[in-house]
Amino acid sequence: MKVEQISVFLENKSGRLADVTKVLAEAGINLRALSLADTADFGILRLIVNDIEKAKQVLKDNSFTVGRTEVVAVEVEDKPGGMAKILGVLDKGGINVEYMYAFVQKSGEHAIIIFRFDALDEAIDVLSNAGIRILKGEEVLSL
């Protein structure tokens, strides 16, 4: 029920994001989801990819600083209130969201929200007990 994500720490300067995507493309790595956050000095690129081991190695070989974390992928209805429902369940369960990002495959069906929680296993229990569909890593990669 957990999905592996890689985080790439980037200098906050022109071309660094392009460098990452070029390196991954040349290695045949497919990006399934991504999020980019920045501060004044650096950015954090979070990626879900089709081959995490290869991506991590290729990035390290090209002098990028790479980390690995576990996140949770949740299916949410792609309609008004879909996100509010999920966040309400988490709030009732006392679960803190560290960060999240989302993507939609086909508008009007379902969206996928990638969550990072401070209490990952507790969050999975709260979501599961509320009947919310949590995707396995392979499911996210096959979308």
Foldseek 3Di string as FASTA:
>chain_A
DKAKKKKWKAFPDPPGVVVLVVLCVVLVKDWLDWDWDDDPTIIIIITRIPDVVSSVVSCVVVVIDMDMDIWWKWKFFQDPCRVVVLVVLCVVLVWDWPDKDKADDDHRGIIIIITDTPDHVSSVVSCVVVVTDIDDNVVSHVD
